[in-house]
Amino acid sequence: MAEVKLIKGGLSVDDRGEVGFINDFHFEGVKRFYTLTNHSKGFVRAWHGHKNESKYFHVTRGAALVCAVEIDKWDNPSKDLIIQRFTLSGNSPAVLYIPKVTQTGTCH
């Protein structure tokens, strides 16, 4: 089973500005690419199941809390599954890889 993986990048800053990069992320096998924008702060997009597709998350501005749970049984998931939490920020370039058979959403 593939694991949730945070692929970290970096920033290069000089007198012209800054360049963000995530050189260890490769688009091989990526079939679709989306960008999301919320209309207001605090908007929640929660608990999407991914049986057949892996997902990648990258924040370009602001910050987002992304959580992932590996589903053991789709029809009746266990109540005590481990929730993995990741804070992504536009100030710290990174891509979060979420493998299929995982749910993503908000967590507290």
PDB file of N, CA and C in Angstrom:
ATOM      1  N   MET A   1       0.842  -1.181   0.000  1.00  0.00           N
ATOM      2  CA  MET A   1       0.000   0.000   0.000  1.00  0.00           C
ATOM      3  C   MET A   1       0.883   1.238   0.000  1.00  0.00           C
ATOM      4  N   ALA A   2       0.583   2.174  -0.863  1.00  0.00           N
ATOM      5  CA  ALA A   2       1.318   3.434  -0.918  1.00  0.00           C
ATOM      6  C   ALA A   2       1.006   4.259   0.323  1.00  0.00           C
ATOM      7  N   GLU A   3       1.955   5.068   0.727  1.00  0.00           N
ATOM      8  CA  GLU A   3       1.778   5.909   1.911  1.00  0.00           C
ATOM      9  C   GLU A   3       1.567   7.360   1.516  1.00  0.00           C
ATOM     10  N   VAL A   4       0.852   8.101   2.364  1.00  0.00           N
ATOM     11  CA  VAL A   4       0.738   9.541   2.202  1.00  0.00           C
ATOM     12  C   VAL A   4       2.151  10.101   2.333  1.00  0.00           C
ATOM     13  N   LYS A   5       2.513  11.012   1.436  1.00  0.00           N
ATOM     14  CA  LYS A   5       3.894  11.503   1.415  1.00  0.00           C
ATOM     15  C   LYS A   5       3.909  13.007   1.174  1.00  0.00           C
ATOM     16  N   LEU A   6       4.648  13.731   2.004  1.00  0.00           N
ATOM     17  CA  LEU A   6       4.848  15.166   1.815  1.00  0.00           C
ATOM     18  C   LEU A   6       6.164  15.362   1.083  1.00  0.00           C
ATOM     19  N   ILE A   7       6.083  15.961  -0.113  1.00  0.00           N
ATOM     20  CA  ILE A   7       7.269  16.208  -0.929  1.00  0.00           C
ATOM     21  C   ILE A   7       7.615  17.682  -0.763  1.00  0.00           C
ATOM     22  N   LYS A   8       8.673  17.970  -0.016  1.00  0.00           N
ATOM     23  CA  LYS A   8       9.035  19.349   0.309  1.00  0.00           C
ATOM     24  C   LYS A   8       9.838  19.997  -0.809  1.00  0.00           C
ATOM     25  N   GLY A   9       9.677  21.295  -0.924  1.00  0.00           N
ATOM     26  CA  GLY A   9      10.420  22.102  -1.886  1.00  0.00           C
ATOM     27  C   GLY A   9      11.199  23.165  -1.165  1.00  0.00           C
ATOM     28  N   GLY A  10      11.409  24.282  -1.815  1.00  0.00           N
ATOM     29  CA  GLY A  10      12.152  25.367  -1.204  1.00  0.00           C
ATOM     30  C   GLY A  10      11.901  26.671  -1.928  1.00  0.00           C
ATOM     31  N   LEU A  11      12.550  27.720  -1.436  1.00  0.00           N
ATOM     32  CA  LEU A  11      12.468  29.049  -2.029  1.00  0.00           C
ATOM     33  C   LEU A  11      13.876  29.553  -2.284  1.00  0.00           C
ATOM     34  N   SER A  12      14.058  30.204  -3.410  1.00  0.00           N
ATOM     35  CA  SER A  12      15.301  30.894  -3.704  1.00  0.00           C
ATOM     36  C   SER A  12      14.956  32.373  -3.803  1.00  0.00           C
ATOM     37  N   VAL A  13      15.621  33.185  -2.980  1.00  0.00           N
ATOM     38  CA  VAL A  13      15.297  34.610  -2.904  1.00  0.00           C
ATOM     39  C   VAL A  13      16.528  35.430  -3.260  1.00  0.00           C
ATOM     40  N   ASP A  14      16.341  36.438  -4.124  1.00  0.00           N
ATOM     41  CA  ASP A  14      17.411  37.394  -4.405  1.00  0.00           C
ATOM     42  C   ASP A  14      16.790  38.763  -4.646  1.00  0.00           C
ATOM     43  N   ASP A  15      17.569  39.703  -5.157  1.00  0.00           N
ATOM     44  CA  ASP A  15      17.076  41.068  -5.319  1.00  0.00           C
ATOM     45  C   ASP A  15      15.966  41.195  -6.378  1.00  0.00           C
ATOM     46  N   ARG A  16      15.743  40.166  -7.176  1.00  0.00           N
ATOM     47  CA  ARG A  16      14.681  40.198  -8.189  1.00  0.00           C
ATOM     48  C   ARG A  16      13.354  39.681  -7.650  1.00  0.00           C
ATOM     49  N   GLY A  17      13.387  38.929  -6.567  1.00  0.00           N
ATOM     50  CA  GLY A  17      12.178  38.328  -6.020  1.00  0.00           C
ATOM     51  C   GLY A  17      12.462  36.921  -5.529  1.00  0.00           C
ATOM     52  N   GLU A  18      11.510  36.025  -5.678  1.00  0.00           N
ATOM     53  CA  GLU A  18      11.701  34.660  -5.213  1.00  0.00           C
ATOM     54  C   GLU A  18      11.146  33.659  -6.216  1.00  0.00           C
ATOM     55  N   VAL A  19      11.734  32.486  -6.190  1.00  0.00           N
ATOM     56  CA  VAL A  19      11.292  31.366  -7.009  1.00  0.00           C
ATOM     57  C   VAL A  19      11.049  30.194  -6.073  1.00  0.00           C
ATOM     58  N   GLY A  20       9.826  29.662  -6.103  1.00  0.00           N
ATOM     59  CA  GLY A  20       9.516  28.471  -5.330  1.00  0.00           C
ATOM     60  C   GLY A  20       9.720  27.243  -6.199  1.00  0.00           C
ATOM     61  N   PHE A  21      10.154  26.151  -5.606  1.00  0.00           N
ATOM     62  CA  PHE A  21      10.390  24.934  -6.372  1.00  0.00           C
ATOM     63  C   PHE A  21      10.092  23.696  -5.543  1.00  0.00           C
ATOM     64  N   ILE A  22       9.695  22.642  -6.231  1.00  0.00           N
ATOM     65  CA  ILE A  22       9.487  21.325  -5.623  1.00  0.00           C
ATOM     66  C   ILE A  22      10.102  20.333  -6.614  1.00  0.00           C
ATOM     67  N   ASN A  23      11.406  20.277  -6.632  1.00  0.00           N
ATOM     68  CA  ASN A  23      12.134  19.516  -7.647  1.00  0.00           C
ATOM     69  C   ASN A  23      11.962  18.008  -7.528  1.00  0.00           C
ATOM     70  N   ASP A  24      11.555  17.509  -6.376  1.00  0.00           N
ATOM     71  CA  ASP A  24      11.382  16.062  -6.215  1.00  0.00           C
ATOM     72  C   ASP A  24       9.981  15.587  -6.600  1.00  0.00           C
ATOM     73  N   PHE A  25       9.121  16.500  -7.059  1.00  0.00           N
ATOM     74  CA  PHE A  25       7.802  16.112  -7.551  1.00  0.00           C
ATOM     75  C   PHE A  25       7.867  15.949  -9.059  1.00  0.00           C
ATOM     76  N   HIS A  26       7.342  14.825  -9.550  1.00  0.00           N
ATOM     77  CA  HIS A  26       7.327  14.535 -10.981  1.00  0.00           C
ATOM     78  C   HIS A  26       5.891  14.240 -11.404  1.00  0.00           C
ATOM     79  N   PHE A  27       5.510  14.698 -12.579  1.00  0.00           N
ATOM     80  CA  PHE A  27       4.143  14.549 -13.059  1.00  0.00           C
ATOM     81  C   PHE A  27       3.865  13.203 -13.721  1.00  0.00           C
ATOM     82  N   GLU A  28       4.826  12.268 -13.724  1.00  0.00           N
ATOM     83  CA  GLU A  28       4.566  10.966 -14.336  1.00  0.00           C
ATOM     84  C   GLU A  28       3.366  10.307 -13.677  1.00  0.00           C
ATOM     85  N   GLY A  29       2.455   9.815 -14.483  1.00  0.00           N
ATOM     86  CA  GLY A  29       1.278   9.125 -13.960  1.00  0.00           C
ATOM     87  C   GLY A  29       0.146  10.037 -13.530  1.00  0.00           C
ATOM     88  N   VAL A  30       0.346  11.338 -13.531  1.00  0.00           N
ATOM     89  CA  VAL A  30      -0.713  12.274 -13.155  1.00  0.00           C
ATOM     90  C   VAL A  30      -1.612  12.484 -14.373  1.00  0.00           C
ATOM     91  N   LYS A  31      -2.897  12.159 -14.233  1.00  0.00           N
ATOM     92  CA  LYS A  31      -3.829  12.266 -15.352  1.00  0.00           C
ATOM     93  C   LYS A  31      -4.591  13.582 -15.348  1.00  0.00           C
ATOM     94  N   ARG A  32      -4.843  14.134 -14.161  1.00  0.00           N
ATOM     95  CA  ARG A  32      -5.627  15.362 -14.052  1.00  0.00           C
ATOM     96  C   ARG A  32      -4.925  16.311 -13.082  1.00  0.00           C
ATOM     97  N   PHE A  33      -5.128  17.617 -13.312  1.00  0.00           N
ATOM     98  CA  PHE A  33      -4.540  18.631 -12.456  1.00  0.00           C
ATOM     99  C   PHE A  33      -5.588  19.708 -12.234  1.00  0.00           C
ATOM    100  N   TYR A  34      -5.851  20.070 -10.984  1.00  0.00           N
ATOM    101  CA  TYR A  34      -6.881  21.049 -10.645  1.00  0.00           C
ATOM    102  C   TYR A  34      -6.282  22.154  -9.789  1.00  0.00           C
ATOM    103  N   THR A  35      -6.894  23.326  -9.847  1.00  0.00           N
ATOM    104  CA  THR A  35      -6.621  24.372  -8.871  1.00  0.00           C
ATOM    105  C   THR A  35      -7.943  24.692  -8.178  1.00  0.00           C
ATOM    106  N   LEU A  36      -7.876  25.009  -6.901  1.00  0.00           N
ATOM    107  CA  LEU A  36      -9.064  25.312  -6.102  1.00  0.00           C
ATOM    108  C   LEU A  36      -8.910  26.673  -5.463  1.00  0.00           C
ATOM    109  N   THR A  37     -10.003  27.390  -5.370  1.00  0.00           N
ATOM    110  CA  THR A  37     -10.043  28.654  -4.647  1.00  0.00           C
ATOM    111  C   THR A  37     -11.326  28.672  -3.836  1.00  0.00           C
ATOM    112  N   ASN A  38     -11.231  29.016  -2.574  1.00  0.00           N
ATOM    113  CA  ASN A  38     -12.420  29.154  -1.736  1.00  0.00           C
ATOM    114  C   ASN A  38     -12.901  30.599  -1.784  1.00  0.00           C
ATOM    115  N   HIS A  39     -14.209  30.789  -1.665  1.00  0.00           N
ATOM    116  CA  HIS A  39     -14.784  32.128  -1.698  1.00  0.00           C
ATOM    117  C   HIS A  39     -14.598  32.884  -0.389  1.00  0.00           C
ATOM    118  N   SER A  40     -14.362  32.152   0.693  1.00  0.00           N
ATOM    119  CA  SER A  40     -14.173  32.813   1.982  1.00  0.00           C
ATOM    120  C   SER A  40     -13.247  31.988   2.863  1.00  0.00           C
ATOM    121  N   LYS A  41     -12.629  32.657   3.846  1.00  0.00           N
ATOM    122  CA  LYS A  41     -11.776  31.973   4.808  1.00  0.00           C
ATOM    123  C   LYS A  41     -12.613  31.018   5.638  1.00  0.00           C
ATOM    124  N   GLY A  42     -12.007  29.906   6.030  1.00  0.00           N
ATOM    125  CA  GLY A  42     -12.691  28.966   6.890  1.00  0.00           C
ATOM    126  C   GLY A  42     -13.614  28.006   6.167  1.00  0.00           C
ATOM    127  N   PHE A  43     -13.722  28.136   4.840  1.00  0.00           N
ATOM    128  CA  PHE A  43     -14.568  27.227   4.070  1.00  0.00           C
ATOM    129  C   PHE A  43     -14.000  25.815   4.159  1.00  0.00           C
ATOM    130  N   VAL A  44     -14.863  24.841   4.333  1.00  0.00           N
ATOM    131  CA  VAL A  44     -14.423  23.456   4.532  1.00  0.00           C
ATOM    132  C   VAL A  44     -14.787  22.609   3.326  1.00  0.00           C
ATOM    133  N   ARG A  45     -13.800  21.915   2.800  1.00  0.00           N
ATOM    134  CA  ARG A  45     -14.008  20.865   1.794  1.00  0.00           C
ATOM    135  C   ARG A  45     -13.606  19.591   2.517  1.00  0.00           C
ATOM    136  N   ALA A  46     -14.538  18.677   2.681  1.00  0.00           N
ATOM    137  CA  ALA A  46     -14.215  17.596   3.604  1.00  0.00           C
ATOM    138  C   ALA A  46     -14.599  16.214   3.108  1.00  0.00           C
ATOM    139  N   TRP A  47     -13.786  15.290   3.493  1.00  0.00           N
ATOM    140  CA  TRP A  47     -13.980  13.848   3.399  1.00  0.00           C
ATOM    141  C   TRP A  47     -14.460  13.358   2.046  1.00  0.00           C
ATOM    142  N   HIS A  48     -13.503  13.404   1.145  1.00  0.00           N
ATOM    143  CA  HIS A  48     -13.681  12.869  -0.198  1.00  0.00           C
ATOM    144  C   HIS A  48     -12.955  11.530  -0.268  1.00  0.00           C
ATOM    145  N   GLY A  49     -13.653  10.492  -0.679  1.00  0.00           N
ATOM    146  CA  GLY A  49     -13.030   9.184  -0.805  1.00  0.00           C
ATOM    147  C   GLY A  49     -12.414   8.999  -2.177  1.00  0.00           C
ATOM    148  N   HIS A  50     -11.290   8.331  -2.224  1.00  0.00           N
ATOM    149  CA  HIS A  50     -10.555   8.133  -3.471  1.00  0.00           C
ATOM    150  C   HIS A  50     -10.203   6.659  -3.625  1.00  0.00           C
ATOM    151  N   LYS A  51     -11.141   5.882  -4.167  1.00  0.00           N
ATOM    152  CA  LYS A  51     -10.896   4.454  -4.364  1.00  0.00           C
ATOM    153  C   LYS A  51      -9.975   4.175  -5.536  1.00  0.00           C
ATOM    154  N   ASN A  52     -10.080   4.974  -6.592  1.00  0.00           N
ATOM    155  CA  ASN A  52      -9.396   4.639  -7.837  1.00  0.00           C
ATOM    156  C   ASN A  52      -8.329   5.619  -8.283  1.00  0.00           C
ATOM    157  N   GLU A  53      -8.230   6.777  -7.636  1.00  0.00           N
ATOM    158  CA  GLU A  53      -7.254   7.782  -8.052  1.00  0.00           C
ATOM    159  C   GLU A  53      -6.466   8.291  -6.857  1.00  0.00           C
ATOM    160  N   SER A  54      -5.196   8.498  -7.068  1.00  0.00           N
ATOM    161  CA  SER A  54      -4.378   9.201  -6.086  1.00  0.00           C
ATOM    162  C   SER A  54      -4.591  10.696  -6.301  1.00  0.00           C
ATOM    163  N   LYS A  55      -4.315  11.499  -5.273  1.00  0.00           N
ATOM    164  CA  LYS A  55      -4.479  12.950  -5.362  1.00  0.00           C
ATOM    165  C   LYS A  55      -3.201  13.633  -4.897  1.00  0.00           C
ATOM    166  N   TYR A  56      -2.995  14.835  -5.408  1.00  0.00           N
ATOM    167  CA  TYR A  56      -1.851  15.658  -5.031  1.00  0.00           C
ATOM    168  C   TYR A  56      -2.376  17.022  -4.624  1.00  0.00           C
ATOM    169  N   PHE A  57      -1.845  17.585  -3.537  1.00  0.00           N
ATOM    170  CA  PHE A  57      -2.279  18.888  -3.049  1.00  0.00           C
ATOM    171  C   PHE A  57      -1.083  19.824  -2.979  1.00  0.00           C
ATOM    172  N   HIS A  58      -1.291  21.065  -3.420  1.00  0.00           N
ATOM    173  CA  HIS A  58      -0.262  22.103  -3.352  1.00  0.00           C
ATOM    174  C   HIS A  58      -0.962  23.428  -3.066  1.00  0.00           C
ATOM    175  N   VAL A  59      -0.505  24.153  -2.084  1.00  0.00           N
ATOM    176  CA  VAL A  59      -1.085  25.447  -1.727  1.00  0.00           C
ATOM    177  C   VAL A  59      -0.183  26.538  -2.289  1.00  0.00           C
ATOM    178  N   THR A  60      -0.752  27.442  -3.079  1.00  0.00           N
ATOM    179  CA  THR A  60       0.029  28.534  -3.660  1.00  0.00           C
ATOM    180  C   THR A  60      -0.072  29.824  -2.850  1.00  0.00           C
ATOM    181  N   ARG A  61      -1.179  29.984  -2.116  1.00  0.00           N
ATOM    182  CA  ARG A  61      -1.371  31.198  -1.321  1.00  0.00           C
ATOM    183  C   ARG A  61      -2.186  30.853  -0.095  1.00  0.00           C
ATOM    184  N   GLY A  62      -1.826  31.423   1.038  1.00  0.00           N
ATOM    185  CA  GLY A  62      -2.538  31.127   2.275  1.00  0.00           C
ATOM    186  C   GLY A  62      -2.062  29.803   2.852  1.00  0.00           C
ATOM    187  N   ALA A  63      -2.956  29.131   3.546  1.00  0.00           N
ATOM    188  CA  ALA A  63      -2.606  27.856   4.178  1.00  0.00           C
ATOM    189  C   ALA A  63      -3.833  26.961   4.198  1.00  0.00           C
ATOM    190  N   ALA A  64      -3.589  25.655   4.284  1.00  0.00           N
ATOM    191  CA  ALA A  64      -4.681  24.690   4.353  1.00  0.00           C
ATOM    192  C   ALA A  64      -4.268  23.530   5.240  1.00  0.00           C
ATOM    193  N   LEU A  65      -5.208  23.066   6.040  1.00  0.00           N
ATOM    194  CA  LEU A  65      -5.024  21.855   6.821  1.00  0.00           C
ATOM    195  C   LEU A  65      -5.648  20.718   6.024  1.00  0.00           C
ATOM    196  N   VAL A  66      -4.843  19.732   5.646  1.00  0.00           N
ATOM    197  CA  VAL A  66      -5.320  18.579   4.882  1.00  0.00           C
ATOM    198  C   VAL A  66      -5.117  17.341   5.733  1.00  0.00           C
ATOM    199  N   CYS A  67      -6.149  16.539   5.843  1.00  0.00           N
ATOM    200  CA  CYS A  67      -6.066  15.322   6.637  1.00  0.00           C
ATOM    201  C   CYS A  67      -6.366  14.122   5.752  1.00  0.00           C
ATOM    202  N   ALA A  68      -5.793  12.981   6.114  1.00  0.00           N
ATOM    203  CA  ALA A  68      -5.991  11.773   5.317  1.00  0.00           C
ATOM    204  C   ALA A  68      -6.181  10.577   6.233  1.00  0.00           C
ATOM    205  N   VAL A  69      -7.056   9.678   5.800  1.00  0.00           N
ATOM    206  CA  VAL A  69      -7.324   8.442   6.531  1.00  0.00           C
ATOM    207  C   VAL A  69      -7.311   7.296   5.529  1.00  0.00           C
ATOM    208  N   GLU A  70      -6.517   6.269   5.796  1.00  0.00           N
ATOM    209  CA  GLU A  70      -6.544   5.079   4.954  1.00  0.00           C
ATOM    210  C   GLU A  70      -7.759   4.250   5.343  1.00  0.00           C
ATOM    211  N   ILE A  71      -8.639   4.004   4.385  1.00  0.00           N
ATOM    212  CA  ILE A  71      -9.891   3.301   4.657  1.00  0.00           C
ATOM    213  C   ILE A  71      -9.648   1.797   4.693  1.00  0.00           C
ATOM    214  N   ASP A  72     -10.120   1.155   5.756  1.00  0.00           N
ATOM    215  CA  ASP A  72      -9.957  -0.300   5.867  1.00  0.00           C
ATOM    216  C   ASP A  72     -11.118  -1.049   5.206  1.00  0.00           C
ATOM    217  N   LYS A  73     -12.334  -0.568   5.414  1.00  0.00           N
ATOM    218  CA  LYS A  73     -13.537  -1.191   4.811  1.00  0.00           C
ATOM    219  C   LYS A  73     -14.438  -0.070   4.313  1.00  0.00           C
ATOM    220  N   TRP A  74     -14.668   0.005   3.002  1.00  0.00           N
ATOM    221  CA  TRP A  74     -15.438   1.108   2.430  1.00  0.00           C
ATOM    222  C   TRP A  74     -16.889   1.092   2.869  1.00  0.00           C
ATOM    223  N   ASP A  75     -17.487  -0.066   3.037  1.00  0.00           N
ATOM    224  CA  ASP A  75     -18.900  -0.135   3.416  1.00  0.00           C
ATOM    225  C   ASP A  75     -19.139   0.207   4.882  1.00  0.00           C
ATOM    226  N   ASN A  76     -18.153  -0.065   5.727  1.00  0.00           N
ATOM    227  CA  ASN A  76     -18.294   0.173   7.160  1.00  0.00           C
ATOM    228  C   ASN A  76     -16.907   0.436   7.763  1.00  0.00           C
ATOM    229  N   PRO A  77     -16.337   1.629   7.534  1.00  0.00           N
ATOM    230  CA  PRO A  77     -14.983   1.913   8.023  1.00  0.00           C
ATOM    231  C   PRO A  77     -14.900   1.871   9.548  1.00  0.00           C
ATOM    232  N   SER A  78     -13.766   1.440  10.038  1.00  0.00           N
ATOM    233  CA  SER A  78     -13.529   1.434  11.484  1.00  0.00           C
ATOM    234  C   SER A  78     -13.565   2.857  12.013  1.00  0.00           C
ATOM    235  N   LYS A  79     -14.017   3.030  13.239  1.00  0.00           N
ATOM    236  CA  LYS A  79     -14.128   4.363  13.857  1.00  0.00           C
ATOM    237  C   LYS A  79     -12.801   4.860  14.411  1.00  0.00           C
ATOM    238  N   ASP A  80     -11.806   3.974  14.577  1.00  0.00           N
ATOM    239  CA  ASP A  80     -10.544   4.343  15.214  1.00  0.00           C
ATOM    240  C   ASP A  80      -9.367   4.417  14.239  1.00  0.00           C
ATOM    241  N   LEU A  81      -9.637   4.716  12.973  1.00  0.00           N
ATOM    242  CA  LEU A  81      -8.565   4.822  11.990  1.00  0.00           C
ATOM    243  C   LEU A  81      -7.680   6.029  12.311  1.00  0.00           C
ATOM    244  N   ILE A  82      -6.404   5.913  11.997  1.00  0.00           N
ATOM    245  CA  ILE A  82      -5.444   6.977  12.297  1.00  0.00           C
ATOM    246  C   ILE A  82      -5.587   8.099  11.273  1.00  0.00           C
ATOM    247  N   ILE A  83      -5.764   9.326  11.770  1.00  0.00           N
ATOM    248  CA  ILE A  83      -5.872  10.507  10.924  1.00  0.00           C
ATOM    249  C   ILE A  83      -4.486  11.146  10.823  1.00  0.00           C
ATOM    250  N   GLN A  84      -4.007  11.313   9.594  1.00  0.00           N
ATOM    251  CA  GLN A  84      -2.743  12.012   9.363  1.00  0.00           C
ATOM    252  C   GLN A  84      -3.063  13.458   9.021  1.00  0.00           C
ATOM    253  N   ARG A  85      -2.360  14.400   9.659  1.00  0.00           N
ATOM    254  CA  ARG A  85      -2.630  15.827   9.489  1.00  0.00           C
ATOM    255  C   ARG A  85      -1.428  16.516   8.854  1.00  0.00           C
ATOM    256  N   PHE A  86      -1.702  17.381   7.871  1.00  0.00           N
ATOM    257  CA  PHE A  86      -0.646  18.127   7.191  1.00  0.00           C
ATOM    258  C   PHE A  86      -1.099  19.567   7.026  1.00  0.00           C
ATOM    259  N   THR A  87      -0.255  20.512   7.417  1.00  0.00           N
ATOM    260  CA  THR A  87      -0.518  21.922   7.182  1.00  0.00           C
ATOM    261  C   THR A  87       0.320  22.350   5.990  1.00  0.00           C
ATOM    262  N   LEU A  88      -0.350  22.766   4.924  1.00  0.00           N
ATOM    263  CA  LEU A  88       0.328  23.226   3.723  1.00  0.00           C
ATOM    264  C   LEU A  88       0.233  24.741   3.669  1.00  0.00           C
ATOM    265  N   SER A  89       1.301  25.383   3.220  1.00  0.00           N
ATOM    266  CA  SER A  89       1.348  26.842   3.183  1.00  0.00           C
ATOM    267  C   SER A  89       1.967  27.327   1.882  1.00  0.00           C
ATOM    268  N   GLY A  90       1.442  28.423   1.369  1.00  0.00           N
ATOM    269  CA  GLY A  90       2.031  29.050   0.202  1.00  0.00           C
ATOM    270  C   GLY A  90       3.424  29.589   0.474  1.00  0.00           C
ATOM    271  N   ASN A  91       3.791  29.732   1.738  1.00  0.00           N
ATOM    272  CA  ASN A  91       5.124  30.214   2.118  1.00  0.00           C
ATOM    273  C   ASN A  91       6.156  29.106   2.223  1.00  0.00           C
ATOM    274  N   SER A  92       5.727  27.864   2.070  1.00  0.00           N
ATOM    275  CA  SER A  92       6.631  26.722   2.178  1.00  0.00           C
ATOM    276  C   SER A  92       6.267  25.708   1.095  1.00  0.00           C
ATOM    277  N   PRO A  93       6.868  25.824  -0.087  1.00  0.00           N
ATOM    278  CA  PRO A  93       6.466  24.973  -1.210  1.00  0.00           C
ATOM    279  C   PRO A  93       6.543  23.474  -0.880  1.00  0.00           C
ATOM    280  N   ALA A  94       5.463  22.777  -1.202  1.00  0.00           N
ATOM    281  CA  ALA A  94       5.408  21.332  -0.992  1.00  0.00           C
ATOM    282  C   ALA A  94       4.234  20.777  -1.784  1.00  0.00           C
ATOM    283  N   VAL A  95       4.300  19.483  -2.078  1.00  0.00           N
ATOM    284  CA  VAL A  95       3.196  18.751  -2.672  1.00  0.00           C
ATOM    285  C   VAL A  95       2.874  17.605  -1.739  1.00  0.00           C
ATOM    286  N   LEU A  96       1.602  17.436  -1.412  1.00  0.00           N
ATOM    287  CA  LEU A  96       1.158  16.330  -0.570  1.00  0.00           C
ATOM    288  C   LEU A  96       0.540  15.269  -1.463  1.00  0.00           C
ATOM    289  N   TYR A  97       1.096  14.067  -1.421  1.00  0.00           N
ATOM    290  CA  TYR A  97       0.600  12.932  -2.208  1.00  0.00           C
ATOM    291  C   TYR A  97      -0.323  12.100  -1.336  1.00  0.00           C
ATOM    292  N   ILE A  98      -1.564  11.896  -1.807  1.00  0.00           N
ATOM    293  CA  ILE A  98      -2.546  11.068  -1.104  1.00  0.00           C
ATOM    294  C   ILE A  98      -2.868   9.882  -2.018  1.00  0.00           C
ATOM    295  N   PRO A  99      -2.490   8.666  -1.628  1.00  0.00           N
ATOM    296  CA  PRO A  99      -2.750   7.510  -2.494  1.00  0.00           C
ATOM    297  C   PRO A  99      -4.227   7.140  -2.523  1.00  0.00           C
ATOM    298  N   LYS A 100      -4.613   6.391  -3.579  1.00  0.00           N
ATOM    299  CA  LYS A 100      -5.995   5.910  -3.645  1.00  0.00           C
ATOM    300  C   LYS A 100      -6.282   5.059  -2.420  1.00  0.00           C
ATOM    301  N   VAL A 101      -7.533   4.740  -2.202  1.00  0.00           N
ATOM    302  CA  VAL A 101      -8.085   4.065  -1.013  1.00  0.00           C
ATOM    303  C   VAL A 101      -7.842   4.872   0.261  1.00  0.00           C
ATOM    304  N   THR A 102      -7.849   6.184   0.099  1.00  0.00           N
ATOM    305  CA  THR A 102      -7.664   7.099   1.219  1.00  0.00           C
ATOM    306  C   THR A 102      -8.759   8.147   1.130  1.00  0.00           C
ATOM    307  N   GLN A 103      -9.203   8.649   2.278  1.00  0.00           N
ATOM    308  CA  GLN A 103     -10.124   9.786   2.308  1.00  0.00           C
ATOM    309  C   GLN A 103      -9.357  10.993   2.760  1.00  0.00           C
ATOM    310  N   THR A 104      -9.733  12.168   2.221  1.00  0.00           N
ATOM    311  CA  THR A 104      -9.131  13.423   2.652  1.00  0.00           C
ATOM    312  C   THR A 104     -10.210  14.339   3.175  1.00  0.00           C
ATOM    313  N   GLY A 105      -9.832  15.239   4.052  1.00  0.00           N
ATOM    314  CA  GLY A 105     -10.797  16.198   4.573  1.00  0.00           C
ATOM    315  C   GLY A 105     -10.211  17.010   5.698  1.00  0.00           C
ATOM    316  N   THR A 106     -11.076  17.667   6.448  1.00  0.00           N
ATOM    317  CA  THR A 106     -10.627  18.475   7.567  1.00  0.00           C
ATOM    318  C   THR A 106     -10.534  17.620   8.818  1.00  0.00           C
ATOM    319  N   CYS A 107      -9.758  18.105   9.759  1.00  0.00           N
ATOM    320  CA  CYS A 107      -9.620  17.399  11.023  1.00  0.00           C
ATOM    321  C   CYS A 107      -9.441  18.422  12.128  1.00  0.00           C
ATOM    322  N   HIS A 108      -9.700  18.005  13.335  1.00  0.00           N
ATOM    323  CA  HIS A 108      -9.602  18.929  14.474  1.00  0.00           C
ATOM    324  C   HIS A 108      -8.545  18.460  15.443  1.00  0.00           C
TER     325      HIS A 108
END
